[in-house]
Amino acid sequence: MIKTKIKDLIEDTNQSSIPEKPKSVVKNRIKVLRAERDWTQADLAERVGISRQAVISIEKYKYTPSLELAFNLAKAFDVEVTDVFRLEEESGK
């Protein structure tokens, strides 16, 4: 009896119509902010204490920085973190 109820609950959970969470991506303006200041990737990397390759990966969206690094990047540019990063929904992927 209990096994049947558990089985029914599991089946109900699997068949529920829970909407899928939209996928999102963290976009950034690092390349633009660097250009406005005439900084190279190496300049930014040195100011923040990361490698140039890390800057490249962040700019190409191959790596999403930690929250701490995001704040440090914003601090290097002397702007708010929301001026560097934004969350966007991915379209049709």
PDB file of N, CA and C in Angstrom:
ATOM      1  N   MET A   1       0.820  -1.194   0.000  1.00  0.00           N
ATOM      2  CA  MET A   1       0.000   0.000   0.000  1.00  0.00           C
ATOM      3  C   MET A   1       0.873   1.271   0.000  1.00  0.00           C
ATOM      4  N   ILE A   2       1.829   1.350   0.922  1.00  0.00           N
ATOM      5  CA  ILE A   2       2.709   2.510   0.991  1.00  0.00           C
ATOM      6  C   ILE A   2       3.564   2.584  -0.268  1.00  0.00           C
ATOM      7  N   LYS A   3       4.054   1.431  -0.728  1.00  0.00           N
ATOM      8  CA  LYS A   3       4.883   1.433  -1.941  1.00  0.00           C
ATOM      9  C   LYS A   3       4.089   1.955  -3.134  1.00  0.00           C
ATOM     10  N   THR A   4       2.823   1.621  -3.218  1.00  0.00           N
ATOM     11  CA  THR A   4       1.976   2.086  -4.311  1.00  0.00           C
ATOM     12  C   THR A   4       1.798   3.602  -4.250  1.00  0.00           C
ATOM     13  N   LYS A   5       1.586   4.132  -3.045  1.00  0.00           N
ATOM     14  CA  LYS A   5       1.418   5.583  -2.892  1.00  0.00           C
ATOM     15  C   LYS A   5       2.696   6.319  -3.267  1.00  0.00           C
ATOM     16  N   ILE A   6       3.826   5.779  -2.853  1.00  0.00           N
ATOM     17  CA  ILE A   6       5.113   6.398  -3.194  1.00  0.00           C
ATOM     18  C   ILE A   6       5.311   6.380  -4.702  1.00  0.00           C
ATOM     19  N   LYS A   7       5.013   5.249  -5.314  1.00  0.00           N
ATOM     20  CA  LYS A   7       5.153   5.130  -6.762  1.00  0.00           C
ATOM     21  C   LYS A   7       4.255   6.135  -7.477  1.00  0.00           C
ATOM     22  N   ASP A   8       3.017   6.291  -7.003  1.00  0.00           N
ATOM     23  CA  ASP A   8       2.087   7.252  -7.599  1.00  0.00           C
ATOM     24  C   ASP A   8       2.601   8.688  -7.456  1.00  0.00           C
ATOM     25  N   LEU A   9       3.159   9.012  -6.290  1.00  0.00           N
ATOM     26  CA  LEU A   9       3.699  10.347  -6.065  1.00  0.00           C
ATOM     27  C   LEU A   9       4.867  10.630  -7.007  1.00  0.00           C
ATOM     28  N   ILE A  10       5.722   9.641  -7.182  1.00  0.00           N
ATOM     29  CA  ILE A  10       6.873   9.802  -8.080  1.00  0.00           C
ATOM     30  C   ILE A  10       6.401  10.014  -9.511  1.00  0.00           C
ATOM     31  N   GLU A  11       5.423   9.242  -9.945  1.00  0.00           N
ATOM     32  CA  GLU A  11       4.899   9.388 -11.301  1.00  0.00           C
ATOM     33  C   GLU A  11       4.250  10.752 -11.493  1.00  0.00           C
ATOM     34  N   ASP A  12       3.488  11.209 -10.485  1.00  0.00           N
ATOM     35  CA  ASP A  12       2.858  12.528 -10.569  1.00  0.00           C
ATOM     36  C   ASP A  12       3.902  13.627 -10.677  1.00  0.00           C
ATOM     37  N   THR A  13       4.984  13.499  -9.909  1.00  0.00           N
ATOM     38  CA  THR A  13       6.049  14.497  -9.937  1.00  0.00           C
ATOM     39  C   THR A  13       6.715  14.528 -11.302  1.00  0.00           C
ATOM     40  N   ASN A  14       6.968  13.371 -11.876  1.00  0.00           N
ATOM     41  CA  ASN A  14       7.621  13.293 -13.181  1.00  0.00           C
ATOM     42  C   ASN A  14       6.738  13.824 -14.301  1.00  0.00           C
ATOM     43  N   GLN A  15       5.429  13.750 -14.128  1.00  0.00           N
ATOM     44  CA  GLN A  15       4.516  14.170 -15.181  1.00  0.00           C
ATOM     45  C   GLN A  15       3.977  15.582 -14.969  1.00  0.00           C
ATOM     46  N   SER A  16       4.404  16.238 -13.894  1.00  0.00           N
ATOM     47  CA  SER A  16       3.889  17.576 -13.620  1.00  0.00           C
ATOM     48  C   SER A  16       4.319  18.535 -14.720  1.00  0.00           C
ATOM     49  N   SER A  17       3.554  19.590 -14.861  1.00  0.00           N
ATOM     50  CA  SER A  17       3.848  20.560 -15.916  1.00  0.00           C
ATOM     51  C   SER A  17       4.583  21.766 -15.327  1.00  0.00           C
ATOM     52  N   ILE A  18       5.741  21.498 -14.757  1.00  0.00           N
ATOM     53  CA  ILE A  18       6.573  22.567 -14.237  1.00  0.00           C
ATOM     54  C   ILE A  18       7.251  23.224 -15.430  1.00  0.00           C
ATOM     55  N   PRO A  19       7.048  24.535 -15.591  1.00  0.00           N
ATOM     56  CA  PRO A  19       7.669  25.190 -16.749  1.00  0.00           C
ATOM     57  C   PRO A  19       9.188  25.191 -16.622  1.00  0.00           C
ATOM     58  N   GLU A  20       9.849  25.063 -17.757  1.00  0.00           N
ATOM     59  CA  GLU A  20      11.308  25.076 -17.758  1.00  0.00           C
ATOM     60  C   GLU A  20      11.812  26.478 -17.480  1.00  0.00           C
ATOM     61  N   LYS A  21      12.870  26.549 -16.719  1.00  0.00           N
ATOM     62  CA  LYS A  21      13.495  27.827 -16.403  1.00  0.00           C
ATOM     63  C   LYS A  21      14.194  28.326 -17.664  1.00  0.00           C
ATOM     64  N   PRO A  22      13.956  29.589 -18.036  1.00  0.00           N
ATOM     65  CA  PRO A  22      14.644  30.105 -19.224  1.00  0.00           C
ATOM     66  C   PRO A  22      16.152  30.129 -19.005  1.00  0.00           C
ATOM     67  N   LYS A  23      16.882  29.786 -20.035  1.00  0.00           N
ATOM     68  CA  LYS A  23      18.336  29.800 -19.937  1.00  0.00           C
ATOM     69  C   LYS A  23      18.814  31.238 -20.069  1.00  0.00           C
ATOM     70  N   SER A  24      19.837  31.552 -19.305  1.00  0.00           N
ATOM     71  CA  SER A  24      20.357  32.908 -19.357  1.00  0.00           C
ATOM     72  C   SER A  24      21.870  32.880 -19.452  1.00  0.00           C
ATOM     73  N   VAL A  25      22.416  34.004 -19.853  1.00  0.00           N
ATOM     74  CA  VAL A  25      23.863  34.144 -20.007  1.00  0.00           C
ATOM     75  C   VAL A  25      24.264  35.499 -19.418  1.00  0.00           C
ATOM     76  N   VAL A  26      25.429  35.529 -18.807  1.00  0.00           N
ATOM     77  CA  VAL A  26      25.949  36.775 -18.260  1.00  0.00           C
ATOM     78  C   VAL A  26      26.733  37.484 -19.365  1.00  0.00           C
ATOM     79  N   LYS A  27      26.241  38.637 -19.779  1.00  0.00           N
ATOM     80  CA  LYS A  27      26.913  39.455 -20.798  1.00  0.00           C
ATOM     81  C   LYS A  27      27.795  40.476 -20.092  1.00  0.00           C
ATOM     82  N   ASN A  28      28.814  40.939 -20.790  1.00  0.00           N
ATOM     83  CA  ASN A  28      29.677  41.948 -20.184  1.00  0.00           C
ATOM     84  C   ASN A  28      30.083  43.008 -21.202  1.00  0.00           C
ATOM     85  N   ARG A  29      30.561  44.139 -20.670  1.00  0.00           N
ATOM     86  CA  ARG A  29      31.002  45.269 -21.488  1.00  0.00           C
ATOM     87  C   ARG A  29      32.492  45.523 -21.311  1.00  0.00           C
ATOM     88  N   ILE A  30      33.235  44.498 -20.961  1.00  0.00           N
ATOM     89  CA  ILE A  30      34.649  44.671 -20.647  1.00  0.00           C
ATOM     90  C   ILE A  30      35.427  45.225 -21.839  1.00  0.00           C
ATOM     91  N   LYS A  31      35.190  44.692 -23.010  1.00  0.00           N
ATOM     92  CA  LYS A  31      35.927  45.151 -24.184  1.00  0.00           C
ATOM     93  C   LYS A  31      35.674  46.645 -24.449  1.00  0.00           C
ATOM     94  N   VAL A  32      34.415  47.055 -24.311  1.00  0.00           N
ATOM     95  CA  VAL A  32      34.050  48.455 -24.519  1.00  0.00           C
ATOM     96  C   VAL A  32      34.695  49.345 -23.456  1.00  0.00           C
ATOM     97  N   LEU A  33      34.603  48.916 -22.197  1.00  0.00           N
ATOM     98  CA  LEU A  33      35.179  49.697 -21.107  1.00  0.00           C
ATOM     99  C   LEU A  33      36.699  49.814 -21.247  1.00  0.00           C
ATOM    100  N   ARG A  34      37.338  48.747 -21.714  1.00  0.00           N
ATOM    101  CA  ARG A  34      38.795  48.806 -21.953  1.00  0.00           C
ATOM    102  C   ARG A  34      39.117  49.813 -23.043  1.00  0.00           C
ATOM    103  N   ALA A  35      38.334  49.753 -24.120  1.00  0.00           N
ATOM    104  CA  ALA A  35      38.573  50.642 -25.257  1.00  0.00           C
ATOM    105  C   ALA A  35      38.393  52.112 -24.856  1.00  0.00           C
ATOM    106  N   GLU A  36      37.378  52.386 -24.040  1.00  0.00           N
ATOM    107  CA  GLU A  36      37.144  53.757 -23.585  1.00  0.00           C
ATOM    108  C   GLU A  36      38.341  54.305 -22.801  1.00  0.00           C
ATOM    109  N   ARG A  37      39.075  53.400 -22.154  1.00  0.00           N
ATOM    110  CA  ARG A  37      40.219  53.810 -21.338  1.00  0.00           C
ATOM    111  C   ARG A  37      41.556  53.585 -22.041  1.00  0.00           C
ATOM    112  N   ASP A  38      41.487  53.042 -23.256  1.00  0.00           N
ATOM    113  CA  ASP A  38      42.679  52.722 -24.026  1.00  0.00           C
ATOM    114  C   ASP A  38      43.579  51.728 -23.290  1.00  0.00           C
ATOM    115  N   TRP A  39      42.940  50.732 -22.678  1.00  0.00           N
ATOM    116  CA  TRP A  39      43.665  49.680 -21.961  1.00  0.00           C
ATOM    117  C   TRP A  39      43.751  48.434 -22.828  1.00  0.00           C
ATOM    118  N   THR A  40      44.860  47.745 -22.769  1.00  0.00           N
ATOM    119  CA  THR A  40      44.981  46.432 -23.406  1.00  0.00           C
ATOM    120  C   THR A  40      44.423  45.382 -22.443  1.00  0.00           C
ATOM    121  N   GLN A  41      44.276  44.178 -22.951  1.00  0.00           N
ATOM    122  CA  GLN A  41      43.865  43.075 -22.074  1.00  0.00           C
ATOM    123  C   GLN A  41      44.899  42.866 -20.981  1.00  0.00           C
ATOM    124  N   ALA A  42      46.166  43.031 -21.321  1.00  0.00           N
ATOM    125  CA  ALA A  42      47.237  42.881 -20.334  1.00  0.00           C
ATOM    126  C   ALA A  42      47.162  43.970 -19.263  1.00  0.00           C
ATOM    127  N   ASP A  43      46.810  45.198 -19.667  1.00  0.00           N
ATOM    128  CA  ASP A  43      46.653  46.293 -18.701  1.00  0.00           C
ATOM    129  C   ASP A  43      45.576  45.945 -17.671  1.00  0.00           C
ATOM    130  N   LEU A  44      44.429  45.506 -18.165  1.00  0.00           N
ATOM    131  CA  LEU A  44      43.331  45.155 -17.260  1.00  0.00           C
ATOM    132  C   LEU A  44      43.718  43.985 -16.369  1.00  0.00           C
ATOM    133  N   ALA A  45      44.322  42.977 -16.962  1.00  0.00           N
ATOM    134  CA  ALA A  45      44.726  41.795 -16.200  1.00  0.00           C
ATOM    135  C   ALA A  45      45.643  42.179 -15.043  1.00  0.00           C
ATOM    136  N   GLU A  46      46.585  43.052 -15.309  1.00  0.00           N
ATOM    137  CA  GLU A  46      47.527  43.487 -14.275  1.00  0.00           C
ATOM    138  C   GLU A  46      46.809  44.260 -13.166  1.00  0.00           C
ATOM    139  N   ARG A  47      45.870  45.121 -13.537  1.00  0.00           N
ATOM    140  CA  ARG A  47      45.136  45.917 -12.553  1.00  0.00           C
ATOM    141  C   ARG A  47      44.283  45.055 -11.631  1.00  0.00           C
ATOM    142  N   VAL A  48      43.799  43.924 -12.159  1.00  0.00           N
ATOM    143  CA  VAL A  48      42.889  43.081 -11.392  1.00  0.00           C
ATOM    144  C   VAL A  48      43.614  41.884 -10.758  1.00  0.00           C
ATOM    145  N   GLY A  49      44.795  41.556 -11.260  1.00  0.00           N
ATOM    146  CA  GLY A  49      45.541  40.431 -10.709  1.00  0.00           C
ATOM    147  C   GLY A  49      45.158  39.091 -11.290  1.00  0.00           C
ATOM    148  N   ILE A  50      44.813  39.098 -12.589  1.00  0.00           N
ATOM    149  CA  ILE A  50      44.490  37.852 -13.286  1.00  0.00           C
ATOM    150  C   ILE A  50      45.365  37.782 -14.539  1.00  0.00           C
ATOM    151  N   SER A  51      45.274  36.679 -15.261  1.00  0.00           N
ATOM    152  CA  SER A  51      46.063  36.542 -16.480  1.00  0.00           C
ATOM    153  C   SER A  51      45.358  37.215 -17.658  1.00  0.00           C
ATOM    154  N   ARG A  52      46.122  37.551 -18.665  1.00  0.00           N
ATOM    155  CA  ARG A  52      45.554  38.111 -19.896  1.00  0.00           C
ATOM    156  C   ARG A  52      44.599  37.103 -20.532  1.00  0.00           C
ATOM    157  N   GLN A  53      44.960  35.814 -20.427  1.00  0.00           N
ATOM    158  CA  GLN A  53      44.111  34.760 -20.985  1.00  0.00           C
ATOM    159  C   GLN A  53      42.747  34.731 -20.288  1.00  0.00           C
ATOM    160  N   ALA A  54      42.730  35.036 -18.994  1.00  0.00           N
ATOM    161  CA  ALA A  54      41.451  35.084 -18.266  1.00  0.00           C
ATOM    162  C   ALA A  54      40.586  36.219 -18.796  1.00  0.00           C
ATOM    163  N   VAL A  55      41.198  37.366 -19.059  1.00  0.00           N
ATOM    164  CA  VAL A  55      40.456  38.497 -19.632  1.00  0.00           C
ATOM    165  C   VAL A  55      39.881  38.099 -20.988  1.00  0.00           C
ATOM    166  N   ILE A  56      40.684  37.459 -21.803  1.00  0.00           N
ATOM    167  CA  ILE A  56      40.222  37.001 -23.127  1.00  0.00           C
ATOM    168  C   ILE A  56      39.029  36.063 -22.971  1.00  0.00           C
ATOM    169  N   SER A  57      39.125  35.098 -22.066  1.00  0.00           N
ATOM    170  CA  SER A  57      38.047  34.128 -21.857  1.00  0.00           C
ATOM    171  C   SER A  57      36.759  34.792 -21.386  1.00  0.00           C
ATOM    172  N   ILE A  58      36.876  35.788 -20.520  1.00  0.00           N
ATOM    173  CA  ILE A  58      35.688  36.500 -20.043  1.00  0.00           C
ATOM    174  C   ILE A  58      35.059  37.289 -21.189  1.00  0.00           C
ATOM    175  N   GLU A  59      35.884  37.989 -21.962  1.00  0.00           N
ATOM    176  CA  GLU A  59      35.368  38.777 -23.085  1.00  0.00           C
ATOM    177  C   GLU A  59      34.690  37.905 -24.144  1.00  0.00           C
ATOM    178  N   LYS A  60      35.179  36.689 -24.329  1.00  0.00           N
ATOM    179  CA  LYS A  60      34.602  35.788 -25.341  1.00  0.00           C
ATOM    180  C   LYS A  60      33.499  34.897 -24.768  1.00  0.00           C
ATOM    181  N   TYR A  61      33.103  35.137 -23.501  1.00  0.00           N
ATOM    182  CA  TYR A  61      32.043  34.390 -22.831  1.00  0.00           C
ATOM    183  C   TYR A  61      32.361  32.909 -22.684  1.00  0.00           C
ATOM    184  N   LYS A  62      33.638  32.581 -22.619  1.00  0.00           N
ATOM    185  CA  LYS A  62      34.039  31.200 -22.378  1.00  0.00           C
ATOM    186  C   LYS A  62      34.189  30.945 -20.881  1.00  0.00           C
ATOM    187  N   TYR A  63      34.209  32.036 -20.098  1.00  0.00           N
ATOM    188  CA  TYR A  63      34.370  31.935 -18.653  1.00  0.00           C
ATOM    189  C   TYR A  63      33.538  33.034 -18.004  1.00  0.00           C
ATOM    190  N   THR A  64      32.721  32.650 -17.032  1.00  0.00           N
ATOM    191  CA  THR A  64      31.962  33.620 -16.252  1.00  0.00           C
ATOM    192  C   THR A  64      32.715  33.845 -14.952  1.00  0.00           C
ATOM    193  N   PRO A  65      33.107  35.073 -14.688  1.00  0.00           N
ATOM    194  CA  PRO A  65      33.910  35.324 -13.489  1.00  0.00           C
ATOM    195  C   PRO A  65      33.120  35.118 -12.209  1.00  0.00           C
ATOM    196  N   SER A  66      33.847  34.849 -11.137  1.00  0.00           N
ATOM    197  CA  SER A  66      33.226  34.740  -9.820  1.00  0.00           C
ATOM    198  C   SER A  66      32.671  36.108  -9.438  1.00  0.00           C
ATOM    199  N   LEU A  67      31.839  36.125  -8.439  1.00  0.00           N
ATOM    200  CA  LEU A  67      31.274  37.375  -7.967  1.00  0.00           C
ATOM    201  C   LEU A  67      32.378  38.312  -7.479  1.00  0.00           C
ATOM    202  N   GLU A  68      33.352  37.768  -6.773  1.00  0.00           N
ATOM    203  CA  GLU A  68      34.473  38.569  -6.290  1.00  0.00           C
ATOM    204  C   GLU A  68      35.242  39.195  -7.446  1.00  0.00           C
ATOM    205  N   LEU A  69      35.524  38.418  -8.479  1.00  0.00           N
ATOM    206  CA  LEU A  69      36.251  38.946  -9.636  1.00  0.00           C
ATOM    207  C   LEU A  69      35.405  39.980 -10.375  1.00  0.00           C
ATOM    208  N   ALA A  70      34.103  39.747 -10.470  1.00  0.00           N
ATOM    209  CA  ALA A  70      33.223  40.716 -11.128  1.00  0.00           C
ATOM    210  C   ALA A  70      33.291  42.069 -10.422  1.00  0.00           C
ATOM    211  N   PHE A  71      33.267  42.047  -9.094  1.00  0.00           N
ATOM    212  CA  PHE A  71      33.370  43.305  -8.342  1.00  0.00           C
ATOM    213  C   PHE A  71      34.746  43.942  -8.517  1.00  0.00           C
ATOM    214  N   ASN A  72      35.792  43.142  -8.551  1.00  0.00           N
ATOM    215  CA  ASN A  72      37.142  43.678  -8.749  1.00  0.00           C
ATOM    216  C   ASN A  72      37.299  44.299 -10.139  1.00  0.00           C
ATOM    217  N   LEU A  73      36.686  43.689 -11.135  1.00  0.00           N
ATOM    218  CA  LEU A  73      36.722  44.265 -12.483  1.00  0.00           C
ATOM    219  C   LEU A  73      35.996  45.605 -12.504  1.00  0.00           C
ATOM    220  N   ALA A  74      34.831  45.660 -11.883  1.00  0.00           N
ATOM    221  CA  ALA A  74      34.083  46.914 -11.823  1.00  0.00           C
ATOM    222  C   ALA A  74      34.883  47.986 -11.092  1.00  0.00           C
ATOM    223  N   LYS A  75      35.539  47.590 -10.028  1.00  0.00           N
ATOM    224  CA  LYS A  75      36.360  48.538  -9.259  1.00  0.00           C
ATOM    225  C   LYS A  75      37.508  49.074 -10.118  1.00  0.00           C
ATOM    226  N   ALA A  76      38.129  48.207 -10.902  1.00  0.00           N
ATOM    227  CA  ALA A  76      39.225  48.636 -11.774  1.00  0.00           C
ATOM    228  C   ALA A  76      38.748  49.692 -12.773  1.00  0.00           C
ATOM    229  N   PHE A  77      37.514  49.530 -13.259  1.00  0.00           N
ATOM    230  CA  PHE A  77      36.946  50.501 -14.205  1.00  0.00           C
ATOM    231  C   PHE A  77      36.309  51.700 -13.496  1.00  0.00           C
ATOM    232  N   ASP A  78      36.214  51.627 -12.165  1.00  0.00           N
ATOM    233  CA  ASP A  78      35.587  52.673 -11.355  1.00  0.00           C
ATOM    234  C   ASP A  78      34.118  52.879 -11.741  1.00  0.00           C
ATOM    235  N   VAL A  79      33.419  51.750 -11.899  1.00  0.00           N
ATOM    236  CA  VAL A  79      31.985  51.762 -12.204  1.00  0.00           C
ATOM    237  C   VAL A  79      31.294  50.722 -11.326  1.00  0.00           C
ATOM    238  N   GLU A  80      29.977  50.729 -11.336  1.00  0.00           N
ATOM    239  CA  GLU A  80      29.199  49.718 -10.621  1.00  0.00           C
ATOM    240  C   GLU A  80      29.277  48.390 -11.377  1.00  0.00           C
ATOM    241  N   VAL A  81      29.138  47.295 -10.648  1.00  0.00           N
ATOM    242  CA  VAL A  81      29.216  45.972 -11.272  1.00  0.00           C
ATOM    243  C   VAL A  81      28.139  45.801 -12.342  1.00  0.00           C
ATOM    244  N   THR A  82      26.977  46.442 -12.152  1.00  0.00           N
ATOM    245  CA  THR A  82      25.903  46.354 -13.147  1.00  0.00           C
ATOM    246  C   THR A  82      26.211  47.154 -14.414  1.00  0.00           C
ATOM    247  N   ASP A  83      27.236  48.009 -14.350  1.00  0.00           N
ATOM    248  CA  ASP A  83      27.678  48.708 -15.557  1.00  0.00           C
ATOM    249  C   ASP A  83      28.626  47.844 -16.390  1.00  0.00           C
ATOM    250  N   VAL A  84      29.109  46.767 -15.785  1.00  0.00           N
ATOM    251  CA  VAL A  84      30.020  45.844 -16.477  1.00  0.00           C
ATOM    252  C   VAL A  84      29.286  44.592 -16.917  1.00  0.00           C
ATOM    253  N   PHE A  85      28.420  44.059 -16.059  1.00  0.00           N
ATOM    254  CA  PHE A  85      27.743  42.784 -16.308  1.00  0.00           C
ATOM    255  C   PHE A  85      26.234  42.928 -16.280  1.00  0.00           C
ATOM    256  N   ARG A  86      25.555  42.096 -17.102  1.00  0.00           N
ATOM    257  CA  ARG A  86      24.093  42.019 -17.077  1.00  0.00           C
ATOM    258  C   ARG A  86      23.687  40.590 -17.420  1.00  0.00           C
ATOM    259  N   LEU A  87      22.536  40.192 -16.926  1.00  0.00           N
ATOM    260  CA  LEU A  87      22.005  38.855 -17.174  1.00  0.00           C
ATOM    261  C   LEU A  87      20.981  38.945 -18.291  1.00  0.00           C
ATOM    262  N   GLU A  88      21.163  38.140 -19.327  1.00  0.00           N
ATOM    263  CA  GLU A  88      20.243  38.126 -20.455  1.00  0.00           C
ATOM    264  C   GLU A  88      19.749  36.720 -20.725  1.00  0.00           C
ATOM    265  N   GLU A  89      18.503  36.620 -21.161  1.00  0.00           N
ATOM    266  CA  GLU A  89      17.974  35.323 -21.576  1.00  0.00           C
ATOM    267  C   GLU A  89      18.535  34.977 -22.934  1.00  0.00           C
ATOM    268  N   GLU A  90      18.890  33.690 -23.101  1.00  0.00           N
ATOM    269  CA  GLU A  90      19.360  33.234 -24.409  1.00  0.00           C
ATOM    270  C   GLU A  90      18.154  33.100 -25.323  1.00  0.00           C
ATOM    271  N   SER A  91      18.317  33.457 -26.565  1.00  0.00           N
ATOM    272  CA  SER A  91      17.205  33.384 -27.502  1.00  0.00           C
ATOM    273  C   SER A  91      17.283  32.148 -28.379  1.00  0.00           C
ATOM    274  N   GLY A  92      16.243  31.318 -28.298  1.00  0.00           N
ATOM    275  CA  GLY A  92      16.063  30.177 -29.170  1.00  0.00           C
ATOM    276  C   GLY A  92      17.191  29.186 -29.288  1.00  0.00           C
ATOM    277  N   LYS A  93      17.973  28.976 -28.250  1.00  0.00           N
ATOM    278  CA  LYS A  93      19.058  28.007 -28.346  1.00  0.00           C
ATOM    279  C   LYS A  93      18.692  26.732 -27.672  1.00  0.00           C
TER     280      LYS A  93
END
